[in-house]
Amino acid sequence: MTHVETLIIGGGPGGLALAYALKGAGQTVAVAEENLWGGTCPNRGCDPKKILLAAVEAKRNAEHMDGQGLNGEPTINWSDLMRNKFAYTDGIPSGTLAGLKQSAITALTGHAQFTDDGHVMVGSEEVVADKVVLATGERPRRLDIPGAQHVGTSTDFLNMRELPRRITFIGGGYIAFELADIANAAGAEVSLVLHNDKPLRAFPTNMVTDLVAQLKAAGVHIYENVDVAEVNKTDAELVLTDGHDFQLTTDAVIGATGRIANVDTLNLAAVGVKADAHGVQVNDHLQTANPDIYALGDVVAKKTVPKLTPVAGYDARYLAGQLTGQQSDAPISYPAIPTLVFGMPKLAKVGVDVTAAANESSLTVKTIDMTHWYTYNRIHDAVAKVTVVLNDKRQLVGAAVLSGIADEMINYLTFLINQHATTKTFENQIMAYPSPASDIDYLL
């Protein structure tokens, strides 16, 4: 039997950040993980995805400059790219474990679930903890249709040693769009099947339309208003049908139809914790209905806060203060958080929704086409647009960006929003010129 002050179930970025913070404050801490130490982001999520996207960005940038000082267009070698990816991901689990051991944090490998007496079994090891924190994250949602066993997930795509000649993605969210862009740039014939005609609904419609147009121009086949009803396997192919007139033949299918919380095998009912596929229900102190059990990160049922790795880290810092008594009892409060669809171009947003803002008389919405501005003309970016939202105090409160460098621009705008900066504030700053940051003065 193991006894600790705090047991964290889940060895991903959020759980690990909390473990190190609690250990640094003098607590005895254990972390339980049943799969890959390090969690989704570094092993099979944002980190390896961006390694693949690095090649996509380089290729697209070179294409934009073809005939503008560069000659020829590079091609992506999938085998080399995946070798680069595995060189990073293969060392994550062992490196994570080594770090925990070096810090004298107990690492327990195995499936964790609550017992009826409120303790936790991790494999065959019983753990008694004063406090338990759930940091189990989410997993890809699988389609419930005939032939679903032939449909892979984002994890399968990020582990493909060979890229199929034809590959189909099902889903209208950011994961489907990002992976479709990667596969297309790498030379596959890519299809994207959407169950409606409104993909990426959290983003401004006009920018989504531009992004879709860019993907189509790059050769991605996009099918709208299709509900895939079955996937049939022949000797060498997969055939998708909707039970009506739609039929698509492909070599591989990846489902990207959302994610579900990892809560169904924890026996949470035994300890009075309420949860469903959306996640664990917590109060504004990240505390569940059981006062000794907390939750953080993607496993929390958050309605307005995006489920992102930095958010899990933010939750961890908050809980560390709560569980060590080093922080006031104030409820957790989140800053403006940017969200992005990575690719070429990139689509980003932060703060007040620009579509909703158009109906608020106290808000001013400005949309600017920057495609021919020096910053984007210099690199021959295919499309560059920004929408900003200002309140009646001339403070920036929301923004959306579409461009090849939207990730850089949205971070500047996020900082300004969280600093409650006004247009006058930025007028008194001098940025390196010429640069994306120096453009901001003309946006506000």
Protein backbone atom coordinates (compact mmCIF):
# COMPACT_ATOMS: atom_id res chain seq x y z
CA MET A 1 0.00 0.00 0.00
CA THR A 2 1.17 3.50 -0.88
CA HIS A 3 0.15 6.56 1.15
CA VAL A 4 0.63 10.10 -0.16
CA GLU A 5 -0.86 13.49 0.47
CA THR A 6 -1.91 13.93 -3.16
CA LEU A 7 -2.49 11.34 -5.87
CA ILE A 8 -2.74 12.61 -9.44
CA ILE A 9 -4.39 10.29 -11.92
CA GLY A 10 -2.95 11.10 -15.31
CA GLY A 11 0.65 11.71 -16.33
CA GLY A 12 0.06 14.39 -18.96
CA PRO A 13 1.21 18.04 -18.99
CA GLY A 14 -1.37 19.23 -16.46
CA GLY A 15 -0.92 16.39 -14.00
CA LEU A 16 2.86 16.59 -14.22
CA ALA A 17 2.90 20.36 -13.71
CA LEU A 18 0.82 19.93 -10.58
CA ALA A 19 2.99 17.06 -9.31
CA TYR A 20 6.19 19.09 -9.55
CA ALA A 21 4.56 22.13 -7.94
CA LEU A 22 3.21 20.13 -5.01
CA LYS A 23 6.50 18.29 -4.54
CA GLY A 24 8.32 21.62 -4.55
CA ALA A 25 6.00 22.78 -1.76
CA GLY A 26 6.97 19.77 0.35
CA GLN A 27 4.08 17.39 -0.27
CA THR A 28 4.31 13.65 -0.85
CA VAL A 29 2.96 13.06 -4.35
CA ALA A 30 2.18 10.12 -6.60
CA VAL A 31 1.21 10.14 -10.27
CA ALA A 32 -0.61 7.24 -11.93
CA GLU A 33 -0.53 6.69 -15.70
CA GLU A 34 -1.82 3.71 -17.64
CA ASN A 35 -0.63 4.62 -21.12
CA LEU A 36 2.18 6.87 -22.36
CA TRP A 37 3.94 8.95 -19.74
CA GLY A 38 3.84 12.58 -20.79
CA GLY A 39 0.25 12.46 -22.01
CA THR A 40 -1.46 13.23 -25.28
CA CYS A 41 0.17 16.52 -26.29
CA PRO A 42 3.83 15.44 -26.53
CA ASN A 43 3.17 11.82 -27.51
CA ARG A 44 0.28 11.89 -29.97
CA GLY A 45 -1.13 15.39 -30.12
CA CYS A 46 -0.02 18.97 -30.54
CA ASP A 47 3.77 18.43 -30.43
CA PRO A 48 4.14 15.70 -33.07
CA LYS A 49 1.46 17.37 -35.18
CA LYS A 50 3.49 20.58 -35.27
CA ILE A 51 6.63 18.64 -36.17
CA LEU A 52 4.80 17.43 -39.28
CA LEU A 53 3.41 20.91 -39.90
CA ALA A 54 6.93 22.35 -39.89
CA ALA A 55 7.54 20.60 -43.19
CA VAL A 56 4.17 21.76 -44.51
CA GLU A 57 4.95 25.38 -43.64
CA ALA A 58 8.37 25.18 -45.29
CA LYS A 59 6.86 23.67 -48.43
CA ARG A 60 4.02 26.19 -48.68
CA ASN A 61 6.36 29.13 -48.04
CA ALA A 62 8.66 27.90 -50.80
CA GLU A 63 5.68 27.53 -53.14
CA HIS A 64 4.64 31.11 -52.43
CA MET A 65 8.15 32.30 -53.30
CA ASP A 66 8.51 30.18 -56.44
CA GLY A 67 9.50 32.58 -59.21
CA GLN A 68 9.92 35.37 -56.64
CA GLY A 69 13.55 34.60 -55.88
CA LEU A 70 13.26 30.86 -55.37
CA ASN A 71 13.08 28.30 -58.15
CA GLY A 72 11.40 24.94 -57.81
CA GLU A 73 9.07 23.53 -55.21
CA PRO A 74 10.27 21.12 -52.50
CA THR A 75 8.54 17.82 -51.83
CA ILE A 76 7.88 16.18 -48.50
CA ASN A 77 9.54 12.84 -47.85
CA TRP A 78 7.05 11.17 -45.53
CA SER A 79 9.45 8.52 -44.25
CA ASP A 80 12.05 11.13 -43.31
CA LEU A 81 9.40 13.36 -41.78
CA MET A 82 8.04 10.54 -39.62
CA ARG A 83 11.56 9.55 -38.60
CA ASN A 84 12.01 13.13 -37.42
CA LYS A 85 8.73 12.88 -35.51
CA PHE A 86 9.57 9.59 -33.84
CA ALA A 87 13.01 10.89 -32.87
CA TYR A 88 11.12 13.33 -30.67
CA THR A 89 8.19 11.25 -29.42
CA ASP A 90 10.04 7.99 -28.73
CA GLY A 91 11.92 9.55 -25.84
CA ILE A 92 8.97 11.25 -24.15
CA PRO A 93 7.70 8.41 -21.88
CA SER A 94 11.12 7.38 -20.55
CA GLY A 95 12.23 10.97 -20.14
CA THR A 96 9.06 11.79 -18.23
CA LEU A 97 9.54 8.85 -15.89
CA ALA A 98 13.18 9.74 -15.31
CA GLY A 99 12.20 13.27 -14.34
CA LEU A 100 9.64 12.05 -11.83
CA LYS A 101 12.10 9.65 -10.23
CA GLN A 102 14.79 12.30 -10.03
CA SER A 103 12.34 14.55 -8.17
CA ALA A 104 11.29 11.72 -5.80
CA ILE A 105 7.70 11.74 -7.11
CA THR A 106 6.16 8.28 -6.94
CA ALA A 107 5.28 7.05 -10.44
CA LEU A 108 2.68 4.29 -10.66
CA THR A 109 2.11 2.60 -14.00
CA GLY A 110 -1.29 0.95 -14.45
CA HIS A 111 -5.00 1.58 -14.71
CA ALA A 112 -6.43 3.59 -11.83
CA GLN A 113 -9.92 3.30 -10.43
CA PHE A 114 -11.65 4.12 -7.18
CA THR A 115 -12.67 1.46 -4.72
CA ASP A 116 -15.88 1.55 -2.74
CA ASP A 117 -13.99 2.68 0.38
CA GLY A 118 -12.65 5.77 -1.44
CA HIS A 119 -9.13 4.51 -2.00
CA VAL A 120 -7.60 4.01 -5.44
CA MET A 121 -6.26 0.86 -7.04
CA VAL A 122 -3.51 1.42 -9.60
CA GLY A 123 -3.12 -1.98 -11.16
CA SER A 124 -2.65 -4.21 -8.11
CA GLU A 125 -1.30 -1.38 -5.92
CA GLU A 126 -3.65 0.23 -3.40
CA VAL A 127 -3.09 3.94 -2.90
CA VAL A 128 -4.39 5.96 0.02
CA ALA A 129 -4.36 9.72 -0.57
CA ASP A 130 -5.65 12.71 1.34
CA LYS A 131 -6.52 14.41 -1.95
CA VAL A 132 -6.97 13.01 -5.46
CA VAL A 133 -6.74 15.03 -8.66
CA LEU A 134 -8.20 13.71 -11.90
CA ALA A 135 -6.08 14.66 -14.91
CA THR A 136 -6.99 11.84 -17.28
CA GLY A 137 -7.68 13.98 -20.35
CA GLU A 138 -9.68 12.90 -23.37
CA ARG A 139 -9.48 10.40 -26.19
CA PRO A 140 -10.75 10.43 -29.80
CA ARG A 141 -14.43 9.72 -30.23
CA ARG A 142 -14.98 6.69 -32.46
CA LEU A 143 -17.80 6.44 -34.97
CA ASP A 144 -20.63 4.06 -34.10
CA ILE A 145 -21.33 2.72 -37.58
CA PRO A 146 -20.85 -0.58 -39.41
CA GLY A 147 -17.21 -0.85 -40.42
CA ALA A 148 -16.00 1.49 -37.67
CA GLN A 149 -13.10 -0.90 -37.08
CA HIS A 150 -11.65 0.31 -40.38
CA VAL A 151 -11.65 3.95 -39.26
CA GLY A 152 -8.47 5.18 -37.57
CA THR A 153 -7.96 8.12 -35.24
CA SER A 154 -5.61 11.08 -35.14
CA THR A 155 -3.24 8.88 -33.13
CA ASP A 156 -3.13 6.38 -35.98
CA PHE A 157 -2.41 9.13 -38.49
CA LEU A 158 0.44 10.55 -36.43
CA ASN A 159 1.98 7.06 -36.28
CA MET A 160 1.73 6.23 -40.00
CA ARG A 161 5.07 4.93 -41.22
CA GLU A 162 3.78 5.14 -44.80
CA LEU A 163 1.32 7.66 -46.17
CA PRO A 164 -1.53 6.09 -48.19
CA ARG A 165 -2.03 7.28 -51.74
CA ARG A 166 -5.62 8.22 -50.91
CA ILE A 167 -6.75 9.19 -47.43
CA THR A 168 -10.10 10.44 -46.16
CA PHE A 169 -10.81 12.44 -43.01
CA ILE A 170 -14.27 12.52 -41.44
CA GLY A 171 -15.00 15.61 -39.36
CA GLY A 172 -15.39 19.36 -39.50
CA GLY A 173 -13.24 20.44 -36.56
CA TYR A 174 -9.71 21.71 -36.28
CA ILE A 175 -8.11 18.24 -36.06
CA ALA A 176 -9.67 17.11 -39.35
CA PHE A 177 -8.58 20.30 -41.11
CA GLU A 178 -5.04 20.19 -39.74
CA LEU A 179 -4.42 16.55 -40.62
CA ALA A 180 -6.00 16.97 -44.06
CA ASP A 181 -3.60 19.86 -44.76
CA ILE A 182 -0.61 17.78 -43.67
CA ALA A 183 -1.56 14.79 -45.81
CA ASN A 184 -2.30 16.97 -48.83
CA ALA A 185 1.02 18.78 -48.61
CA ALA A 186 2.78 15.43 -48.30
CA GLY A 187 1.33 14.31 -51.62
CA ALA A 188 -1.69 12.19 -50.75
CA GLU A 189 -5.04 12.52 -52.51
CA VAL A 190 -7.09 13.89 -49.63
CA SER A 191 -10.84 13.94 -49.06
CA LEU A 192 -12.55 15.75 -46.19
CA VAL A 193 -16.10 14.62 -45.39
CA LEU A 194 -18.26 17.03 -43.37
CA HIS A 195 -21.66 16.16 -41.88
CA ASN A 196 -22.90 19.72 -42.51
CA ASP A 197 -21.86 22.83 -44.43
CA LYS A 198 -20.61 24.78 -41.41
CA PRO A 199 -17.15 23.50 -40.44
CA LEU A 200 -15.04 25.16 -37.74
CA ARG A 201 -18.17 26.75 -36.26
CA ALA A 202 -16.25 28.53 -33.50
CA PHE A 203 -14.48 30.70 -36.06
CA PRO A 204 -15.79 33.57 -38.23
CA THR A 205 -17.68 32.26 -41.24
CA ASN A 206 -15.95 34.54 -43.75
CA MET A 207 -12.51 33.38 -42.66
CA VAL A 208 -13.57 29.72 -42.65
CA THR A 209 -14.82 30.21 -46.22
CA ASP A 210 -11.41 31.57 -47.21
CA LEU A 211 -9.63 28.69 -45.48
CA VAL A 212 -11.83 26.12 -47.22
CA ALA A 213 -11.12 27.81 -50.54
CA GLN A 214 -7.38 27.57 -49.90
CA LEU A 215 -7.66 23.85 -49.12
CA LYS A 216 -9.69 23.25 -52.27
CA ALA A 217 -7.16 25.20 -54.33
CA ALA A 218 -4.45 22.95 -52.89
CA GLY A 219 -6.37 19.90 -54.14
CA VAL A 220 -8.35 18.73 -51.09
CA HIS A 221 -11.74 17.26 -52.02
CA ILE A 222 -14.35 18.55 -49.57
CA TYR A 223 -17.77 16.91 -49.31
CA GLU A 224 -20.45 18.71 -47.30
CA ASN A 225 -23.71 17.50 -45.73
CA VAL A 226 -22.66 13.86 -45.74
CA ASP A 227 -23.36 11.54 -42.80
CA VAL A 228 -21.17 8.50 -43.31
CA ALA A 229 -23.31 5.48 -42.50
CA GLU A 230 -20.93 2.63 -43.29
CA VAL A 231 -17.35 1.82 -44.20
CA ASN A 232 -16.85 -1.35 -46.24
CA LYS A 233 -13.50 -3.01 -46.85
CA THR A 234 -12.70 -4.70 -50.14
CA ASP A 235 -9.47 -6.55 -50.90
CA ALA A 236 -7.41 -3.36 -51.15
CA GLU A 237 -9.75 -0.41 -50.63
CA LEU A 238 -12.25 1.16 -48.27
CA VAL A 239 -15.62 2.41 -49.48
CA LEU A 240 -17.59 5.04 -47.56
CA THR A 241 -21.34 5.34 -48.09
CA ASP A 242 -24.11 7.40 -46.52
CA GLY A 243 -26.95 4.97 -47.25
CA HIS A 244 -28.12 7.15 -50.15
CA ASP A 245 -26.18 8.47 -53.13
CA PHE A 246 -22.78 9.22 -51.62
CA GLN A 247 -19.94 6.77 -52.22
CA LEU A 248 -16.22 7.39 -51.85
CA THR A 249 -13.37 4.96 -52.41
CA THR A 250 -10.15 5.49 -50.48
CA ASP A 251 -7.16 3.68 -49.02
CA ALA A 252 -7.43 4.88 -45.42
CA VAL A 253 -10.01 6.64 -43.26
CA ILE A 254 -9.32 8.79 -40.21
CA GLY A 255 -12.19 9.84 -37.95
CA ALA A 256 -11.86 13.25 -36.33
CA THR A 257 -15.35 13.69 -34.95
CA GLY A 258 -14.54 15.04 -31.52
CA ARG A 259 -13.12 13.75 -28.26
CA ILE A 260 -14.60 12.25 -25.10
CA ALA A 261 -13.41 12.49 -21.53
CA ASN A 262 -11.54 9.56 -19.97
CA VAL A 263 -13.94 9.04 -17.07
CA ASP A 264 -15.87 5.88 -17.87
CA THR A 265 -13.51 3.35 -16.21
CA LEU A 266 -12.59 5.26 -13.04
CA ASN A 267 -15.59 4.08 -10.97
CA LEU A 268 -16.36 7.70 -10.09
CA ALA A 269 -19.85 6.86 -8.87
CA ALA A 270 -18.30 5.04 -5.92
CA VAL A 271 -16.89 8.34 -4.61
CA GLY A 272 -19.77 10.61 -5.55
CA VAL A 273 -18.12 12.34 -8.50
CA LYS A 274 -20.43 13.35 -11.35
CA ALA A 275 -19.17 13.02 -14.90
CA ASP A 276 -20.22 12.20 -18.45
CA ALA A 277 -18.63 12.10 -21.90
CA HIS A 278 -18.05 15.87 -21.71
CA GLY A 279 -16.01 15.53 -18.54
CA VAL A 280 -16.00 15.81 -14.77
CA GLN A 281 -18.28 18.38 -13.16
CA VAL A 282 -16.39 20.78 -10.89
CA ASN A 283 -17.09 24.03 -9.10
CA ASP A 284 -15.15 27.27 -9.64
CA HIS A 285 -12.36 25.87 -7.47
CA LEU A 286 -11.92 22.79 -9.72
CA GLN A 287 -13.42 20.70 -6.90
CA THR A 288 -15.84 17.88 -7.58
CA ALA A 289 -18.92 16.99 -5.54
CA ASN A 290 -16.51 14.99 -3.37
CA PRO A 291 -14.52 17.68 -1.48
CA ASP A 292 -11.34 15.58 -1.50
CA ILE A 293 -11.33 15.04 -5.26
CA TYR A 294 -10.40 17.68 -7.86
CA ALA A 295 -10.02 17.72 -11.62
CA LEU A 296 -7.98 19.73 -14.11
CA GLY A 297 -7.35 20.06 -17.82
CA ASP A 298 -9.24 18.39 -20.64
CA VAL A 299 -11.14 15.98 -18.38
CA VAL A 300 -13.06 18.90 -16.84
CA ALA A 301 -16.48 19.61 -18.35
CA LYS A 302 -15.74 23.19 -19.43
CA LYS A 303 -18.41 25.01 -21.41
CA THR A 304 -16.66 28.25 -22.28
CA VAL A 305 -12.97 27.47 -21.73
CA PRO A 306 -11.14 25.67 -24.57
CA LYS A 307 -9.53 22.35 -23.78
CA LEU A 308 -5.89 23.08 -24.52
CA THR A 309 -2.54 22.09 -23.03
CA PRO A 310 -1.77 25.60 -21.72
CA VAL A 311 -5.16 25.62 -19.97
CA ALA A 312 -4.24 22.40 -18.17
CA GLY A 313 -1.02 24.04 -17.02
CA TYR A 314 -2.98 27.07 -15.83
CA ASP A 315 -5.34 24.76 -13.89
CA ALA A 316 -2.33 23.05 -12.34
CA ARG A 317 -0.85 26.30 -11.10
CA TYR A 318 -4.18 27.26 -9.58
CA LEU A 319 -4.66 23.89 -7.86
CA ALA A 320 -1.11 23.91 -6.55
CA GLY A 321 -1.91 27.10 -4.71
CA GLN A 322 -5.19 25.72 -3.42
CA LEU A 323 -3.81 22.38 -2.22
CA THR A 324 -0.82 23.91 -0.46
CA GLY A 325 -2.63 26.86 1.06
CA GLN A 326 -0.23 29.25 -0.69
CA GLN A 327 -3.01 30.95 -2.61
CA SER A 328 -6.19 32.75 -1.58
CA ASP A 329 -9.49 30.91 -1.79
CA ALA A 330 -10.55 32.94 -4.82
CA PRO A 331 -12.27 31.01 -7.63
CA ILE A 332 -10.31 30.25 -10.75
CA SER A 333 -10.52 32.97 -13.38
CA TYR A 334 -9.24 32.52 -16.92
CA PRO A 335 -7.69 35.18 -19.16
CA ALA A 336 -8.53 35.47 -22.83
CA ILE A 337 -7.29 32.24 -24.43
CA PRO A 338 -6.35 31.99 -28.12
CA THR A 339 -7.36 28.99 -30.20
CA LEU A 340 -5.87 28.07 -33.57
CA VAL A 341 -6.30 25.86 -36.57
CA PHE A 342 -2.70 25.17 -37.57
CA GLY A 343 -1.83 24.78 -41.23
CA MET A 344 -1.16 27.03 -44.20
CA PRO A 345 -2.88 29.38 -43.79
CA LYS A 346 -3.56 29.36 -40.06
CA LEU A 347 -6.86 30.47 -38.52
CA ALA A 348 -6.91 31.94 -35.01
CA LYS A 349 -9.26 33.72 -32.64
CA VAL A 350 -9.27 35.12 -29.12
CA GLY A 351 -11.57 36.99 -26.76
CA VAL A 352 -15.02 38.27 -27.69
CA ASP A 353 -16.52 36.36 -30.62
CA VAL A 354 -16.36 38.63 -33.65
CA THR A 355 -19.65 37.36 -35.08
CA ALA A 356 -21.57 37.98 -31.87
CA ALA A 357 -19.88 41.36 -31.45
CA ALA A 358 -21.43 42.63 -34.68
CA ASN A 359 -24.81 42.70 -32.89
CA GLU A 360 -23.56 44.68 -29.87
CA SER A 361 -23.95 48.44 -30.19
CA SER A 362 -21.22 49.06 -27.59
CA LEU A 363 -18.64 47.19 -29.66
CA THR A 364 -16.85 48.21 -32.84
CA VAL A 365 -15.87 45.47 -35.30
CA LYS A 366 -13.22 46.14 -37.95
CA THR A 367 -12.20 43.67 -40.66
CA ILE A 368 -9.03 44.42 -42.60
CA ASP A 369 -7.64 42.59 -45.62
CA MET A 370 -3.87 42.61 -45.09
CA THR A 371 -2.97 40.42 -48.07
CA HIS A 372 -1.21 43.27 -49.87
CA TRP A 373 0.40 44.78 -46.78
CA TYR A 374 4.18 44.69 -46.86
CA THR A 375 4.46 41.99 -44.17
CA TYR A 376 2.40 39.52 -46.22
CA ASN A 377 3.32 40.72 -49.68
CA ARG A 378 6.97 40.16 -48.81
CA ILE A 379 6.36 36.45 -48.26
CA HIS A 380 3.58 36.27 -50.87
CA ASP A 381 1.08 34.95 -48.35
CA ALA A 382 -1.98 33.81 -50.28
CA VAL A 383 -4.49 35.39 -47.91
CA ALA A 384 -4.14 37.57 -44.80
CA LYS A 385 -7.10 39.00 -42.91
CA VAL A 386 -7.76 40.25 -39.41
CA THR A 387 -10.91 41.24 -37.54
CA VAL A 388 -10.63 43.19 -34.29
CA VAL A 389 -13.29 44.06 -31.71
CA LEU A 390 -13.00 47.25 -29.66
CA ASN A 391 -15.23 48.27 -26.77
CA ASP A 392 -16.50 51.79 -26.07
CA LYS A 393 -13.27 52.56 -24.17
CA ARG A 394 -11.29 51.73 -27.32
CA GLN A 395 -9.87 48.66 -25.63
CA LEU A 396 -9.18 45.58 -27.72
CA VAL A 397 -11.48 42.78 -26.51
CA GLY A 398 -11.56 40.27 -29.37
CA ALA A 399 -9.82 39.31 -32.59
CA ALA A 400 -9.64 36.73 -35.37
CA VAL A 401 -6.77 36.26 -37.84
CA LEU A 402 -6.29 34.26 -41.02
CA SER A 403 -2.78 34.13 -42.50
CA GLY A 404 0.37 32.06 -42.68
CA ILE A 405 1.61 33.75 -39.49
CA ALA A 406 -1.69 34.00 -37.63
CA ASP A 407 -0.21 32.18 -34.63
CA GLU A 408 2.33 34.97 -34.13
CA MET A 409 -0.21 37.76 -34.58
CA ILE A 410 -2.85 36.22 -32.30
CA ASN A 411 -0.35 36.02 -29.44
CA TYR A 412 0.34 39.76 -29.70
CA LEU A 413 -3.38 40.49 -29.73
CA THR A 414 -4.02 38.14 -26.81
CA PHE A 415 -1.45 39.98 -24.72
CA LEU A 416 -3.08 43.31 -25.53
CA ILE A 417 -6.53 42.00 -24.61
CA ASN A 418 -5.36 40.63 -21.28
CA GLN A 419 -3.57 43.88 -20.51
CA HIS A 420 -6.78 45.83 -21.26
CA ALA A 421 -4.75 47.89 -23.70
CA THR A 422 -6.36 50.79 -25.53
CA THR A 423 -5.55 52.12 -28.97
CA LYS A 424 -3.68 54.96 -27.24
CA THR A 425 -1.57 52.46 -25.29
CA PHE A 426 -0.20 50.93 -28.43
CA GLU A 427 0.40 54.26 -30.11
CA ASN A 428 3.02 54.89 -27.43
CA GLN A 429 4.94 51.70 -28.21
CA ILE A 430 7.70 51.35 -30.79
CA MET A 431 8.00 47.88 -32.31
CA ALA A 432 10.79 46.45 -34.44
CA TYR A 433 10.08 47.46 -38.02
CA PRO A 434 9.13 46.02 -40.38
CA SER A 435 7.52 43.10 -38.54
CA PRO A 436 4.06 41.69 -37.82
CA ALA A 437 4.08 43.46 -34.46
CA SER A 438 4.64 46.83 -36.10
CA ASP A 439 1.45 46.29 -38.11
CA ILE A 440 -0.72 46.24 -34.99
CA ASP A 441 -0.75 50.02 -34.78
CA TYR A 442 -2.73 50.08 -38.03
CA LEU A 443 -5.27 47.52 -36.82
CA LEU A 444 -6.57 49.29 -33.72
